Amino acid sequence: MDRWATFDCYGTLIDWERGIGDTFARLWPEADREQLLARYLEIEPKVQEGSAMPYREVMAVALEKLAEAEGLELRPLDREALADSLPTWPPFPEVRQSLGELVRRGWGIGILSNTDPDLLSASLLLIGFEPNIVITAAEAGSYKPAHGHWEAFRQRSEADPDRHVHVAASLFHDIIPCSEMGIPAVWINRKREITNYPRAAELPDVSELPDTLDAVMPSE
């Protein structure tokens, strides 16, 4: 492949906040959904840090910690509620068309995701897309923002570092480590955040991504 675009999946291609929030609403219908979501997004990275446990277990532990922190009851049979619901989390509506156009233009596509292979496979099936390379936490041996995903991608793909762009929504998990490694990144700023971290481009969603990537890295 002459050019490679790697992607984070959850939050970039899959609407994970909606998926997680829907699960919280089912478990605790009287609780403040947005408050729970914000707290969970603080807890999960702390569970992942320095860990090699499967993502299914990460979510279960994080859910337990959330329930404890918020004073909510979590039944044992609901411990894996997030992992059980993950295969139904919806893609953002513009994702399939945009990825298809990138393939048509000759881009190699990689997915670098903090999840388990079986869970990611279910999400890619829902999108209706098969990437050239998939790197999960299992292959990387770590969770982003650690650099293992990108290192594993370079080993597997043998991609020219000067012909590789990363696309992601999370500053913490993706944009910051890309700046540390000198990888140009397109920030999908769905939440209209503000940052001073460097990025090659910034978009509100991936609908205009093919033209943006072509501008960032023209075909040779």
N, C-alpha and C. Protein backbone atom coordinates (compact mmCIF):
# COMPACT_ATOMS: atom_id res chain seq x y z
N MET A 1 0.84 -1.19 0.00
CA MET A 1 0.00 0.00 0.00
C MET A 1 0.88 1.25 0.00
N ASP A 2 0.51 2.22 -0.83
CA ASP A 2 1.27 3.48 -0.89
C ASP A 2 0.97 4.35 0.32
N ARG A 3 -0.30 4.34 0.77
CA ARG A 3 -0.70 5.17 1.90
C ARG A 3 -1.54 4.34 2.87
N TRP A 4 -1.33 4.62 4.16
CA TRP A 4 -2.08 3.93 5.20
C TRP A 4 -2.81 4.94 6.08
N ALA A 5 -4.06 4.62 6.38
CA ALA A 5 -4.83 5.35 7.39
C ALA A 5 -5.23 4.35 8.47
N THR A 6 -4.79 4.60 9.70
CA THR A 6 -5.24 3.78 10.81
C THR A 6 -6.31 4.53 11.59
N PHE A 7 -7.18 3.77 12.22
CA PHE A 7 -8.34 4.34 12.91
C PHE A 7 -8.47 3.76 14.31
N ASP A 8 -8.82 4.61 15.25
CA ASP A 8 -9.47 4.13 16.46
C ASP A 8 -10.89 3.73 16.07
N CYS A 9 -11.49 2.83 16.83
CA CYS A 9 -12.84 2.38 16.47
C CYS A 9 -13.91 3.05 17.32
N TYR A 10 -13.84 2.88 18.65
CA TYR A 10 -14.93 3.29 19.53
C TYR A 10 -14.83 4.77 19.89
N GLY A 11 -15.83 5.50 19.46
CA GLY A 11 -15.83 6.95 19.58
C GLY A 11 -15.51 7.63 18.26
N THR A 12 -14.83 6.89 17.38
CA THR A 12 -14.46 7.42 16.06
C THR A 12 -15.38 6.85 14.98
N LEU A 13 -15.52 5.53 14.97
CA LEU A 13 -16.37 4.85 13.99
C LEU A 13 -17.67 4.34 14.61
N ILE A 14 -17.58 3.90 15.86
CA ILE A 14 -18.73 3.37 16.60
C ILE A 14 -19.11 4.37 17.70
N ASP A 15 -20.42 4.61 17.84
CA ASP A 15 -20.92 5.56 18.84
C ASP A 15 -20.92 4.89 20.22
N TRP A 16 -19.74 4.84 20.83
CA TRP A 16 -19.61 4.09 22.09
C TRP A 16 -20.26 4.82 23.25
N GLU A 17 -20.31 6.14 23.24
CA GLU A 17 -20.98 6.84 24.35
C GLU A 17 -22.47 6.55 24.34
N ARG A 18 -23.04 6.45 23.15
CA ARG A 18 -24.46 6.07 23.08
C ARG A 18 -24.64 4.63 23.57
N GLY A 19 -23.76 3.73 23.14
CA GLY A 19 -23.87 2.34 23.56
C GLY A 19 -23.71 2.18 25.05
N ILE A 20 -22.72 2.84 25.63
CA ILE A 20 -22.50 2.76 27.07
C ILE A 20 -23.67 3.41 27.82
N GLY A 21 -24.08 4.59 27.35
CA GLY A 21 -25.18 5.29 28.01
C GLY A 21 -26.48 4.51 27.98
N ASP A 22 -26.76 3.84 26.87
CA ASP A 22 -27.97 3.01 26.79
C ASP A 22 -27.92 1.87 27.80
N THR A 23 -26.73 1.30 27.98
CA THR A 23 -26.58 0.23 28.97
C THR A 23 -26.81 0.75 30.37
N PHE A 24 -26.27 1.91 30.68
CA PHE A 24 -26.50 2.51 32.00
C PHE A 24 -27.99 2.79 32.21
N ALA A 25 -28.66 3.27 31.18
CA ALA A 25 -30.09 3.59 31.31
C ALA A 25 -30.90 2.33 31.59
N ARG A 26 -30.46 1.21 31.03
CA ARG A 26 -31.16 -0.05 31.30
C ARG A 26 -30.87 -0.56 32.71
N LEU A 27 -29.61 -0.43 33.14
CA LEU A 27 -29.25 -0.92 34.47
C LEU A 27 -29.81 -0.06 35.58
N TRP A 28 -29.75 1.26 35.37
CA TRP A 28 -30.13 2.21 36.43
C TRP A 28 -30.99 3.31 35.83
N PRO A 29 -32.25 3.02 35.52
CA PRO A 29 -33.10 3.99 34.80
C PRO A 29 -33.34 5.29 35.55
N GLU A 30 -33.18 5.30 36.87
CA GLU A 30 -33.44 6.51 37.65
C GLU A 30 -32.20 7.38 37.81
N ALA A 31 -31.05 6.86 37.44
CA ALA A 31 -29.79 7.59 37.64
C ALA A 31 -29.56 8.59 36.52
N ASP A 32 -28.65 9.53 36.74
CA ASP A 32 -28.29 10.54 35.76
C ASP A 32 -27.34 9.93 34.73
N ARG A 33 -27.84 9.69 33.54
CA ARG A 33 -27.08 9.00 32.50
C ARG A 33 -25.77 9.73 32.18
N GLU A 34 -25.83 11.03 32.00
CA GLU A 34 -24.64 11.79 31.63
C GLU A 34 -23.61 11.80 32.75
N GLN A 35 -24.06 11.86 33.98
CA GLN A 35 -23.14 11.83 35.11
C GLN A 35 -22.43 10.47 35.17
N LEU A 36 -23.18 9.41 34.96
CA LEU A 36 -22.59 8.07 34.98
C LEU A 36 -21.58 7.92 33.85
N LEU A 37 -21.93 8.42 32.68
CA LEU A 37 -21.03 8.30 31.54
C LEU A 37 -19.73 9.04 31.79
N ALA A 38 -19.83 10.26 32.31
CA ALA A 38 -18.62 11.04 32.58
C ALA A 38 -17.74 10.34 33.61
N ARG A 39 -18.36 9.78 34.63
CA ARG A 39 -17.59 9.08 35.67
C ARG A 39 -16.94 7.82 35.10
N TYR A 40 -17.68 7.09 34.28
CA TYR A 40 -17.14 5.86 33.69
C TYR A 40 -15.92 6.16 32.82
N LEU A 41 -16.00 7.24 32.05
CA LEU A 41 -14.90 7.60 31.15
C LEU A 41 -13.66 8.03 31.93
N GLU A 42 -13.82 8.38 33.19
CA GLU A 42 -12.67 8.63 34.07
C GLU A 42 -12.11 7.33 34.63
N ILE A 43 -12.99 6.40 34.95
CA ILE A 43 -12.59 5.16 35.62
C ILE A 43 -11.91 4.19 34.66
N GLU A 44 -12.47 4.01 33.47
CA GLU A 44 -11.96 2.95 32.58
C GLU A 44 -10.47 3.08 32.26
N PRO A 45 -9.94 4.27 31.90
CA PRO A 45 -8.51 4.35 31.61
C PRO A 45 -7.63 3.97 32.80
N LYS A 46 -8.11 4.22 34.01
CA LYS A 46 -7.34 3.86 35.20
C LYS A 46 -7.29 2.34 35.36
N VAL A 47 -8.36 1.66 34.99
CA VAL A 47 -8.37 0.20 35.03
C VAL A 47 -7.44 -0.37 33.97
N GLN A 48 -7.41 0.27 32.80
CA GLN A 48 -6.58 -0.20 31.70
C GLN A 48 -5.09 0.02 31.93
N GLU A 49 -4.74 1.06 32.65
CA GLU A 49 -3.34 1.48 32.75
C GLU A 49 -2.45 0.37 33.27
N GLY A 50 -1.45 0.00 32.47
CA GLY A 50 -0.49 -1.02 32.86
C GLY A 50 -1.05 -2.42 32.90
N SER A 51 -2.25 -2.62 32.36
CA SER A 51 -2.92 -3.91 32.45
C SER A 51 -2.88 -4.64 31.12
N ALA A 52 -2.87 -5.97 31.19
CA ALA A 52 -3.01 -6.79 29.99
C ALA A 52 -4.29 -7.63 30.05
N MET A 53 -5.19 -7.29 30.98
CA MET A 53 -6.42 -8.07 31.08
C MET A 53 -7.30 -7.84 29.85
N PRO A 54 -8.11 -8.83 29.46
CA PRO A 54 -9.01 -8.66 28.31
C PRO A 54 -9.94 -7.46 28.52
N TYR A 55 -10.33 -6.85 27.41
CA TYR A 55 -11.17 -5.67 27.52
C TYR A 55 -12.52 -5.99 28.15
N ARG A 56 -13.03 -7.19 27.90
CA ARG A 56 -14.28 -7.60 28.54
C ARG A 56 -14.17 -7.48 30.06
N GLU A 57 -13.02 -7.89 30.60
CA GLU A 57 -12.81 -7.80 32.04
C GLU A 57 -12.59 -6.36 32.47
N VAL A 58 -11.91 -5.57 31.64
CA VAL A 58 -11.72 -4.15 31.94
C VAL A 58 -13.08 -3.48 32.13
N MET A 59 -13.99 -3.72 31.21
CA MET A 59 -15.31 -3.11 31.31
C MET A 59 -16.06 -3.58 32.55
N ALA A 60 -15.94 -4.86 32.86
CA ALA A 60 -16.63 -5.40 34.03
C ALA A 60 -16.09 -4.77 35.31
N VAL A 61 -14.78 -4.67 35.44
CA VAL A 61 -14.17 -4.06 36.62
C VAL A 61 -14.55 -2.58 36.71
N ALA A 62 -14.49 -1.88 35.57
CA ALA A 62 -14.84 -0.46 35.56
C ALA A 62 -16.30 -0.26 35.94
N LEU A 63 -17.17 -1.15 35.49
CA LEU A 63 -18.59 -1.04 35.82
C LEU A 63 -18.80 -1.26 37.32
N GLU A 64 -18.08 -2.22 37.90
CA GLU A 64 -18.17 -2.43 39.34
C GLU A 64 -17.70 -1.21 40.12
N LYS A 65 -16.60 -0.63 39.68
CA LYS A 65 -16.07 0.55 40.35
C LYS A 65 -17.03 1.73 40.21
N LEU A 66 -17.67 1.85 39.05
CA LEU A 66 -18.65 2.92 38.86
C LEU A 66 -19.82 2.75 39.81
N ALA A 67 -20.35 1.53 39.88
CA ALA A 67 -21.48 1.29 40.76
C ALA A 67 -21.12 1.60 42.21
N GLU A 68 -19.93 1.19 42.62
CA GLU A 68 -19.49 1.46 43.99
C GLU A 68 -19.35 2.95 44.24
N ALA A 69 -18.75 3.66 43.28
CA ALA A 69 -18.53 5.10 43.45
C ALA A 69 -19.83 5.88 43.50
N GLU A 70 -20.83 5.42 42.75
CA GLU A 70 -22.10 6.14 42.66
C GLU A 70 -23.16 5.60 43.62
N GLY A 71 -22.80 4.58 44.40
CA GLY A 71 -23.76 4.03 45.34
C GLY A 71 -24.92 3.31 44.68
N LEU A 72 -24.64 2.62 43.57
CA LEU A 72 -25.67 1.93 42.81
C LEU A 72 -25.50 0.42 42.94
N GLU A 73 -26.61 -0.29 42.86
CA GLU A 73 -26.56 -1.75 42.93
C GLU A 73 -26.21 -2.33 41.56
N LEU A 74 -25.26 -3.26 41.53
CA LEU A 74 -24.92 -3.98 40.31
C LEU A 74 -25.06 -5.47 40.61
N ARG A 75 -26.05 -6.09 40.01
CA ARG A 75 -26.27 -7.52 40.22
C ARG A 75 -25.13 -8.32 39.58
N PRO A 76 -24.73 -9.43 40.15
CA PRO A 76 -23.65 -10.23 39.57
C PRO A 76 -23.89 -10.60 38.10
N LEU A 77 -25.13 -10.88 37.75
CA LEU A 77 -25.41 -11.27 36.37
C LEU A 77 -25.29 -10.10 35.39
N ASP A 78 -25.21 -8.85 35.92
CA ASP A 78 -25.06 -7.67 35.06
C ASP A 78 -23.61 -7.19 34.99
N ARG A 79 -22.71 -7.93 35.60
CA ARG A 79 -21.31 -7.51 35.64
C ARG A 79 -20.74 -7.31 34.23
N GLU A 80 -21.13 -8.13 33.28
CA GLU A 80 -20.63 -8.03 31.92
C GLU A 80 -21.64 -7.38 30.97
N ALA A 81 -22.47 -6.52 31.52
CA ALA A 81 -23.52 -5.89 30.71
C ALA A 81 -22.95 -5.07 29.56
N LEU A 82 -21.84 -4.37 29.80
CA LEU A 82 -21.25 -3.55 28.73
C LEU A 82 -20.70 -4.41 27.60
N ALA A 83 -19.96 -5.44 27.96
CA ALA A 83 -19.42 -6.33 26.92
C ALA A 83 -20.54 -7.03 26.15
N ASP A 84 -21.58 -7.42 26.86
CA ASP A 84 -22.70 -8.09 26.20
C ASP A 84 -23.41 -7.16 25.22
N SER A 85 -23.45 -5.86 25.55
CA SER A 85 -24.15 -4.92 24.67
C SER A 85 -23.28 -4.39 23.54
N LEU A 86 -21.96 -4.48 23.69
CA LEU A 86 -21.05 -3.85 22.73
C LEU A 86 -21.31 -4.24 21.27
N PRO A 87 -21.60 -5.50 20.95
CA PRO A 87 -21.84 -5.83 19.54
C PRO A 87 -23.03 -5.12 18.91
N THR A 88 -23.87 -4.48 19.72
CA THR A 88 -25.02 -3.75 19.17
C THR A 88 -24.78 -2.25 19.10
N TRP A 89 -23.63 -1.76 19.61
CA TRP A 89 -23.38 -0.32 19.59
C TRP A 89 -23.31 0.16 18.15
N PRO A 90 -24.02 1.23 17.80
CA PRO A 90 -24.19 1.58 16.39
C PRO A 90 -23.00 2.35 15.81
N PRO A 91 -22.70 2.12 14.53
CA PRO A 91 -21.73 2.98 13.84
C PRO A 91 -22.34 4.36 13.63
N PHE A 92 -21.47 5.37 13.54
CA PHE A 92 -21.95 6.68 13.12
C PHE A 92 -22.40 6.57 11.66
N PRO A 93 -23.44 7.32 11.27
CA PRO A 93 -24.09 7.08 9.97
C PRO A 93 -23.22 7.27 8.75
N GLU A 94 -22.19 8.12 8.84
CA GLU A 94 -21.38 8.42 7.65
C GLU A 94 -20.18 7.49 7.49
N VAL A 95 -20.00 6.58 8.44
CA VAL A 95 -18.75 5.81 8.50
C VAL A 95 -18.57 4.86 7.32
N ARG A 96 -19.57 4.07 7.02
CA ARG A 96 -19.40 3.04 5.98
C ARG A 96 -19.04 3.66 4.63
N GLN A 97 -19.75 4.72 4.25
CA GLN A 97 -19.49 5.34 2.95
C GLN A 97 -18.09 5.94 2.90
N SER A 98 -17.66 6.57 3.99
CA SER A 98 -16.35 7.20 4.01
C SER A 98 -15.24 6.17 3.92
N LEU A 99 -15.35 5.08 4.67
CA LEU A 99 -14.34 4.04 4.61
C LEU A 99 -14.29 3.40 3.22
N GLY A 100 -15.45 3.18 2.64
CA GLY A 100 -15.49 2.62 1.29
C GLY A 100 -14.82 3.51 0.28
N GLU A 101 -14.98 4.82 0.42
CA GLU A 101 -14.34 5.76 -0.51
C GLU A 101 -12.83 5.75 -0.33
N LEU A 102 -12.37 5.63 0.89
CA LEU A 102 -10.92 5.55 1.12
C LEU A 102 -10.32 4.32 0.45
N VAL A 103 -11.00 3.21 0.54
CA VAL A 103 -10.53 2.00 -0.14
C VAL A 103 -10.51 2.22 -1.64
N ARG A 104 -11.55 2.85 -2.18
CA ARG A 104 -11.60 3.11 -3.62
C ARG A 104 -10.42 3.97 -4.06
N ARG A 105 -9.97 4.87 -3.19
CA ARG A 105 -8.85 5.75 -3.52
C ARG A 105 -7.49 5.11 -3.25
N GLY A 106 -7.50 3.86 -2.83
CA GLY A 106 -6.25 3.13 -2.69
C GLY A 106 -5.59 3.16 -1.33
N TRP A 107 -6.28 3.67 -0.32
CA TRP A 107 -5.72 3.71 1.02
C TRP A 107 -5.75 2.31 1.65
N GLY A 108 -4.68 1.93 2.34
CA GLY A 108 -4.72 0.79 3.22
C GLY A 108 -5.35 1.22 4.53
N ILE A 109 -6.19 0.35 5.11
CA ILE A 109 -6.93 0.71 6.32
C ILE A 109 -6.55 -0.23 7.46
N GLY A 110 -6.18 0.36 8.59
CA GLY A 110 -5.92 -0.41 9.80
C GLY A 110 -6.80 0.08 10.93
N ILE A 111 -7.19 -0.83 11.80
CA ILE A 111 -7.96 -0.49 12.99
C ILE A 111 -7.09 -0.79 14.21
N LEU A 112 -6.88 0.22 15.05
CA LEU A 112 -6.09 0.08 16.27
C LEU A 112 -7.02 0.35 17.45
N SER A 113 -7.43 -0.70 18.14
CA SER A 113 -8.54 -0.55 19.10
C SER A 113 -8.23 -1.17 20.45
N ASN A 114 -8.66 -0.48 21.49
CA ASN A 114 -8.55 -0.96 22.87
C ASN A 114 -9.68 -1.93 23.18
N THR A 115 -9.70 -3.07 22.51
CA THR A 115 -10.78 -4.02 22.76
C THR A 115 -10.28 -5.43 22.50
N ASP A 116 -11.19 -6.40 22.59
CA ASP A 116 -10.88 -7.80 22.33
C ASP A 116 -11.20 -8.14 20.88
N PRO A 117 -10.49 -9.10 20.28
CA PRO A 117 -10.72 -9.42 18.87
C PRO A 117 -12.16 -9.77 18.54
N ASP A 118 -12.83 -10.56 19.40
CA ASP A 118 -14.20 -10.97 19.08
C ASP A 118 -15.16 -9.80 19.14
N LEU A 119 -14.94 -8.90 20.09
CA LEU A 119 -15.83 -7.73 20.20
C LEU A 119 -15.63 -6.79 19.02
N LEU A 120 -14.38 -6.57 18.62
CA LEU A 120 -14.11 -5.71 17.48
C LEU A 120 -14.68 -6.31 16.20
N SER A 121 -14.56 -7.63 16.04
CA SER A 121 -15.11 -8.28 14.85
C SER A 121 -16.61 -8.05 14.73
N ALA A 122 -17.30 -8.08 15.87
CA ALA A 122 -18.75 -7.84 15.86
C ALA A 122 -19.05 -6.41 15.41
N SER A 123 -18.24 -5.45 15.87
CA SER A 123 -18.47 -4.06 15.47
C SER A 123 -18.17 -3.84 13.99
N LEU A 124 -17.11 -4.45 13.49
CA LEU A 124 -16.77 -4.31 12.07
C LEU A 124 -17.84 -4.95 11.20
N LEU A 125 -18.41 -6.05 11.67
CA LEU A 125 -19.51 -6.69 10.93
C LEU A 125 -20.71 -5.75 10.87
N LEU A 126 -20.96 -5.03 11.95
CA LEU A 126 -22.07 -4.08 11.98
C LEU A 126 -21.81 -2.92 11.01
N ILE A 127 -20.57 -2.47 10.95
CA ILE A 127 -20.21 -1.42 9.99
C ILE A 127 -20.32 -1.94 8.57
N GLY A 128 -19.99 -3.21 8.37
CA GLY A 128 -19.96 -3.80 7.04
C GLY A 128 -18.66 -3.51 6.33
N PHE A 129 -17.55 -3.63 7.07
CA PHE A 129 -16.26 -3.25 6.51
C PHE A 129 -15.18 -4.19 7.03
N GLU A 130 -14.26 -4.57 6.13
CA GLU A 130 -13.14 -5.42 6.51
C GLU A 130 -11.82 -4.68 6.26
N PRO A 131 -11.14 -4.26 7.31
CA PRO A 131 -9.88 -3.54 7.14
C PRO A 131 -8.75 -4.47 6.71
N ASN A 132 -7.65 -3.86 6.28
CA ASN A 132 -6.49 -4.65 5.89
C ASN A 132 -5.78 -5.25 7.09
N ILE A 133 -5.72 -4.49 8.18
CA ILE A 133 -5.02 -4.91 9.39
C ILE A 133 -5.84 -4.50 10.61
N VAL A 134 -5.87 -5.38 11.60
CA VAL A 134 -6.54 -5.10 12.86
C VAL A 134 -5.54 -5.35 13.99
N ILE A 135 -5.39 -4.37 14.87
CA ILE A 135 -4.56 -4.51 16.06
C ILE A 135 -5.44 -4.19 17.27
N THR A 136 -5.67 -5.19 18.12
CA THR A 136 -6.41 -4.96 19.36
C THR A 136 -5.44 -4.93 20.54
N ALA A 137 -5.97 -4.68 21.73
CA ALA A 137 -5.13 -4.70 22.92
C ALA A 137 -4.46 -6.05 23.10
N ALA A 138 -5.12 -7.12 22.64
CA ALA A 138 -4.54 -8.46 22.77
C ALA A 138 -3.25 -8.57 21.97
N GLU A 139 -3.25 -8.05 20.73
CA GLU A 139 -2.04 -8.10 19.90
C GLU A 139 -0.99 -7.10 20.38
N ALA A 140 -1.44 -5.95 20.83
CA ALA A 140 -0.51 -4.90 21.25
C ALA A 140 0.13 -5.21 22.59
N GLY A 141 -0.58 -5.97 23.44
CA GLY A 141 -0.08 -6.25 24.77
C GLY A 141 -0.23 -5.08 25.73
N SER A 142 -1.01 -4.09 25.33
CA SER A 142 -1.21 -2.90 26.16
C SER A 142 -2.44 -2.17 25.67
N TYR A 143 -2.82 -1.16 26.43
CA TYR A 143 -3.93 -0.30 26.05
C TYR A 143 -3.41 1.08 25.69
N LYS A 144 -3.95 1.67 24.63
CA LYS A 144 -3.65 3.07 24.36
C LYS A 144 -4.06 3.91 25.56
N PRO A 145 -3.28 4.92 25.92
CA PRO A 145 -2.31 5.66 25.11
C PRO A 145 -0.89 5.10 25.06
N ALA A 146 -0.65 3.91 25.63
CA ALA A 146 0.65 3.27 25.42
C ALA A 146 0.85 3.09 23.92
N HIS A 147 2.10 2.98 23.48
CA HIS A 147 2.41 3.03 22.06
C HIS A 147 2.35 1.67 21.36
N GLY A 148 1.97 0.62 22.09
CA GLY A 148 2.03 -0.73 21.55
C GLY A 148 1.24 -0.96 20.29
N HIS A 149 0.06 -0.34 20.17
CA HIS A 149 -0.76 -0.54 18.97
C HIS A 149 -0.04 -0.06 17.71
N TRP A 150 0.56 1.12 17.80
CA TRP A 150 1.23 1.69 16.63
C TRP A 150 2.50 0.90 16.29
N GLU A 151 3.20 0.44 17.32
CA GLU A 151 4.40 -0.36 17.09
C GLU A 151 4.04 -1.68 16.42
N ALA A 152 2.96 -2.32 16.89
CA ALA A 152 2.52 -3.57 16.29
C ALA A 152 2.05 -3.35 14.85
N PHE A 153 1.37 -2.22 14.62
CA PHE A 153 0.93 -1.92 13.26
C PHE A 153 2.12 -1.79 12.31
N ARG A 154 3.15 -1.08 12.72
CA ARG A 154 4.31 -0.89 11.86
C ARG A 154 5.01 -2.21 11.56
N GLN A 155 5.08 -3.08 12.54
CA GLN A 155 5.69 -4.39 12.32
C GLN A 155 4.87 -5.23 11.36
N ARG A 156 3.56 -5.23 11.54
CA ARG A 156 2.69 -6.06 10.70
C ARG A 156 2.58 -5.53 9.29
N SER A 157 2.43 -4.21 9.16
CA SER A 157 2.15 -3.62 7.84
C SER A 157 3.40 -3.32 7.04
N GLU A 158 4.53 -3.12 7.75
CA GLU A 158 5.76 -2.62 7.12
C GLU A 158 5.50 -1.32 6.38
N ALA A 159 4.56 -0.53 6.91
CA ALA A 159 4.20 0.75 6.30
C ALA A 159 5.34 1.75 6.44
N ASP A 160 5.53 2.54 5.40
CA ASP A 160 6.48 3.64 5.46
C ASP A 160 5.95 4.66 6.48
N PRO A 161 6.69 4.97 7.54
CA PRO A 161 6.20 5.93 8.54
C PRO A 161 5.81 7.27 7.94
N ASP A 162 6.42 7.64 6.82
CA ASP A 162 6.08 8.91 6.18
C ASP A 162 4.81 8.83 5.35
N ARG A 163 4.21 7.64 5.27
CA ARG A 163 2.99 7.46 4.47
C ARG A 163 1.86 6.90 5.33
N HIS A 164 1.85 7.31 6.58
CA HIS A 164 0.87 6.79 7.54
C HIS A 164 0.23 7.94 8.30
N VAL A 165 -1.11 7.96 8.34
CA VAL A 165 -1.90 8.94 9.08
C VAL A 165 -2.83 8.18 10.02
N HIS A 166 -2.99 8.70 11.23
CA HIS A 166 -3.92 8.09 12.18
C HIS A 166 -5.15 8.98 12.33
N VAL A 167 -6.32 8.35 12.48
CA VAL A 167 -7.60 9.06 12.57
C VAL A 167 -8.29 8.63 13.85
N ALA A 168 -8.66 9.61 14.70
CA ALA A 168 -9.25 9.24 15.99
C ALA A 168 -9.98 10.41 16.62
N ALA A 169 -10.87 10.06 17.55
CA ALA A 169 -11.64 11.07 18.27
C ALA A 169 -11.07 11.40 19.64
N SER A 170 -10.34 10.46 20.24
CA SER A 170 -9.90 10.65 21.63
C SER A 170 -8.55 11.35 21.70
N LEU A 171 -8.53 12.48 22.37
CA LEU A 171 -7.26 13.16 22.63
C LEU A 171 -6.36 12.29 23.49
N PHE A 172 -6.90 11.78 24.58
CA PHE A 172 -6.11 11.03 25.55
C PHE A 172 -5.54 9.74 24.96
N HIS A 173 -6.40 8.95 24.30
CA HIS A 173 -5.98 7.64 23.83
C HIS A 173 -5.18 7.68 22.53
N ASP A 174 -5.38 8.71 21.69
CA ASP A 174 -4.83 8.67 20.34
C ASP A 174 -4.06 9.91 19.91
N ILE A 175 -4.65 11.07 20.04
CA ILE A 175 -4.02 12.27 19.49
C ILE A 175 -2.74 12.60 20.25
N ILE A 176 -2.77 12.50 21.57
CA ILE A 176 -1.57 12.79 22.35
C ILE A 176 -0.45 11.79 22.06
N PRO A 177 -0.70 10.48 22.09
CA PRO A 177 0.39 9.56 21.75
C PRO A 177 0.90 9.72 20.32
N CYS A 178 0.02 10.08 19.39
CA CYS A 178 0.50 10.33 18.02
C CYS A 178 1.46 11.51 18.00
N SER A 179 1.17 12.54 18.78
CA SER A 179 2.08 13.69 18.84
C SER A 179 3.41 13.27 19.44
N GLU A 180 3.39 12.36 20.40
CA GLU A 180 4.62 11.86 21.01
C GLU A 180 5.46 11.06 20.02
N MET A 181 4.80 10.34 19.12
CA MET A 181 5.51 9.47 18.18
C MET A 181 5.77 10.13 16.83
N GLY A 182 5.27 11.35 16.65
CA GLY A 182 5.47 12.04 15.39
C GLY A 182 4.61 11.51 14.26
N ILE A 183 3.45 10.93 14.59
CA ILE A 183 2.53 10.42 13.57
C ILE A 183 1.48 11.48 13.28
N PRO A 184 1.32 11.91 12.03
CA PRO A 184 0.27 12.88 11.73
C PRO A 184 -1.10 12.29 12.04
N ALA A 185 -1.95 13.09 12.64
CA ALA A 185 -3.25 12.61 13.07
C ALA A 185 -4.35 13.55 12.62
N VAL A 186 -5.47 12.96 12.22
CA VAL A 186 -6.68 13.71 11.94
C VAL A 186 -7.61 13.50 13.13
N TRP A 187 -7.93 14.60 13.78
CA TRP A 187 -8.77 14.55 14.98
C TRP A 187 -10.23 14.66 14.57
N ILE A 188 -11.02 13.64 14.90
CA ILE A 188 -12.46 13.67 14.67
C ILE A 188 -13.10 14.23 15.94
N ASN A 189 -13.33 15.52 15.92
CA ASN A 189 -13.76 16.25 17.12
C ASN A 189 -15.29 16.30 17.19
N ARG A 190 -15.88 15.16 17.47
CA ARG A 190 -17.35 15.07 17.51
C ARG A 190 -17.94 15.85 18.67
N LYS A 191 -17.17 16.05 19.74
CA LYS A 191 -17.68 16.69 20.95
C LYS A 191 -17.33 18.17 21.03
N ARG A 192 -16.73 18.71 19.96
CA ARG A 192 -16.38 20.14 19.89
C ARG A 192 -15.50 20.57 21.06
N GLU A 193 -14.48 19.78 21.29
CA GLU A 193 -13.51 20.10 22.34
C GLU A 193 -12.47 21.08 21.81
N ILE A 194 -11.63 21.55 22.70
CA ILE A 194 -10.56 22.49 22.33
C ILE A 194 -9.25 21.93 22.85
N THR A 195 -8.22 21.98 22.02
CA THR A 195 -6.91 21.50 22.45
C THR A 195 -5.80 22.24 21.73
N ASN A 196 -4.64 22.25 22.33
CA ASN A 196 -3.44 22.78 21.68
C ASN A 196 -2.54 21.69 21.15
N TYR A 197 -2.94 20.43 21.33
CA TYR A 197 -2.11 19.35 20.82
C TYR A 197 -2.08 19.38 19.29
N PRO A 198 -0.92 19.11 18.70
CA PRO A 198 -0.81 19.19 17.24
C PRO A 198 -1.62 18.11 16.54
N ARG A 199 -2.18 18.45 15.40
CA ARG A 199 -2.87 17.49 14.55
C ARG A 199 -2.77 17.99 13.12
N ALA A 200 -2.81 17.05 12.19
CA ALA A 200 -2.69 17.40 10.78
C ALA A 200 -3.97 18.04 10.25
N ALA A 201 -5.10 17.67 10.84
CA ALA A 201 -6.40 18.23 10.44
C ALA A 201 -7.40 17.93 11.53
N GLU A 202 -8.53 18.63 11.49
CA GLU A 202 -9.60 18.44 12.47
C GLU A 202 -10.93 18.47 11.75
N LEU A 203 -11.79 17.49 12.04
CA LEU A 203 -13.09 17.38 11.40
C LEU A 203 -14.17 17.08 12.45
N PRO A 204 -15.42 17.46 12.20
CA PRO A 204 -16.49 17.16 13.15
C PRO A 204 -17.00 15.73 13.06
N ASP A 205 -16.74 15.07 11.92
CA ASP A 205 -17.10 13.67 11.72
C ASP A 205 -16.25 13.16 10.55
N VAL A 206 -16.52 11.95 10.05
CA VAL A 206 -15.65 11.41 9.00
C VAL A 206 -16.23 11.56 7.60
N SER A 207 -17.29 12.33 7.45
CA SER A 207 -17.92 12.45 6.14
C SER A 207 -16.99 13.07 5.10
N GLU A 208 -16.15 14.02 5.50
CA GLU A 208 -15.22 14.66 4.57
C GLU A 208 -13.80 14.10 4.70
N LEU A 209 -13.68 12.97 5.35
CA LEU A 209 -12.35 12.42 5.61
C LEU A 209 -11.56 12.05 4.35
N PRO A 210 -12.16 11.43 3.33
CA PRO A 210 -11.36 11.07 2.16
C PRO A 210 -10.64 12.28 1.53
N ASP A 211 -11.34 13.38 1.35
CA ASP A 211 -10.69 14.57 0.77
C ASP A 211 -9.65 15.13 1.73
N THR A 212 -9.93 15.09 3.03
CA THR A 212 -8.98 15.61 4.01
C THR A 212 -7.71 14.79 4.02
N LEU A 213 -7.84 13.48 4.02
CA LEU A 213 -6.66 12.62 4.01
C LEU A 213 -5.85 12.79 2.74
N ASP A 214 -6.52 12.96 1.60
CA ASP A 214 -5.81 13.20 0.35
C ASP A 214 -5.03 14.51 0.40
N ALA A 215 -5.57 15.51 1.11
CA ALA A 215 -4.87 16.77 1.25
C ALA A 215 -3.68 16.63 2.20
N VAL A 216 -3.86 15.88 3.28
CA VAL A 216 -2.78 15.67 4.24
C VAL A 216 -1.65 14.86 3.62
N MET A 217 -2.02 13.83 2.85
CA MET A 217 -1.03 12.94 2.25
C MET A 217 -1.42 12.61 0.81
N PRO A 218 -1.07 13.43 -0.13
CA PRO A 218 -1.43 13.18 -1.53
C PRO A 218 -0.85 11.87 -2.04
N SER A 219 -1.55 11.28 -2.98
CA SER A 219 -1.06 10.06 -3.62
C SER A 219 0.18 10.38 -4.44
N GLU A 220 1.15 9.48 -4.41
CA GLU A 220 2.39 9.71 -5.20
C GLU A 220 2.20 9.23 -6.63
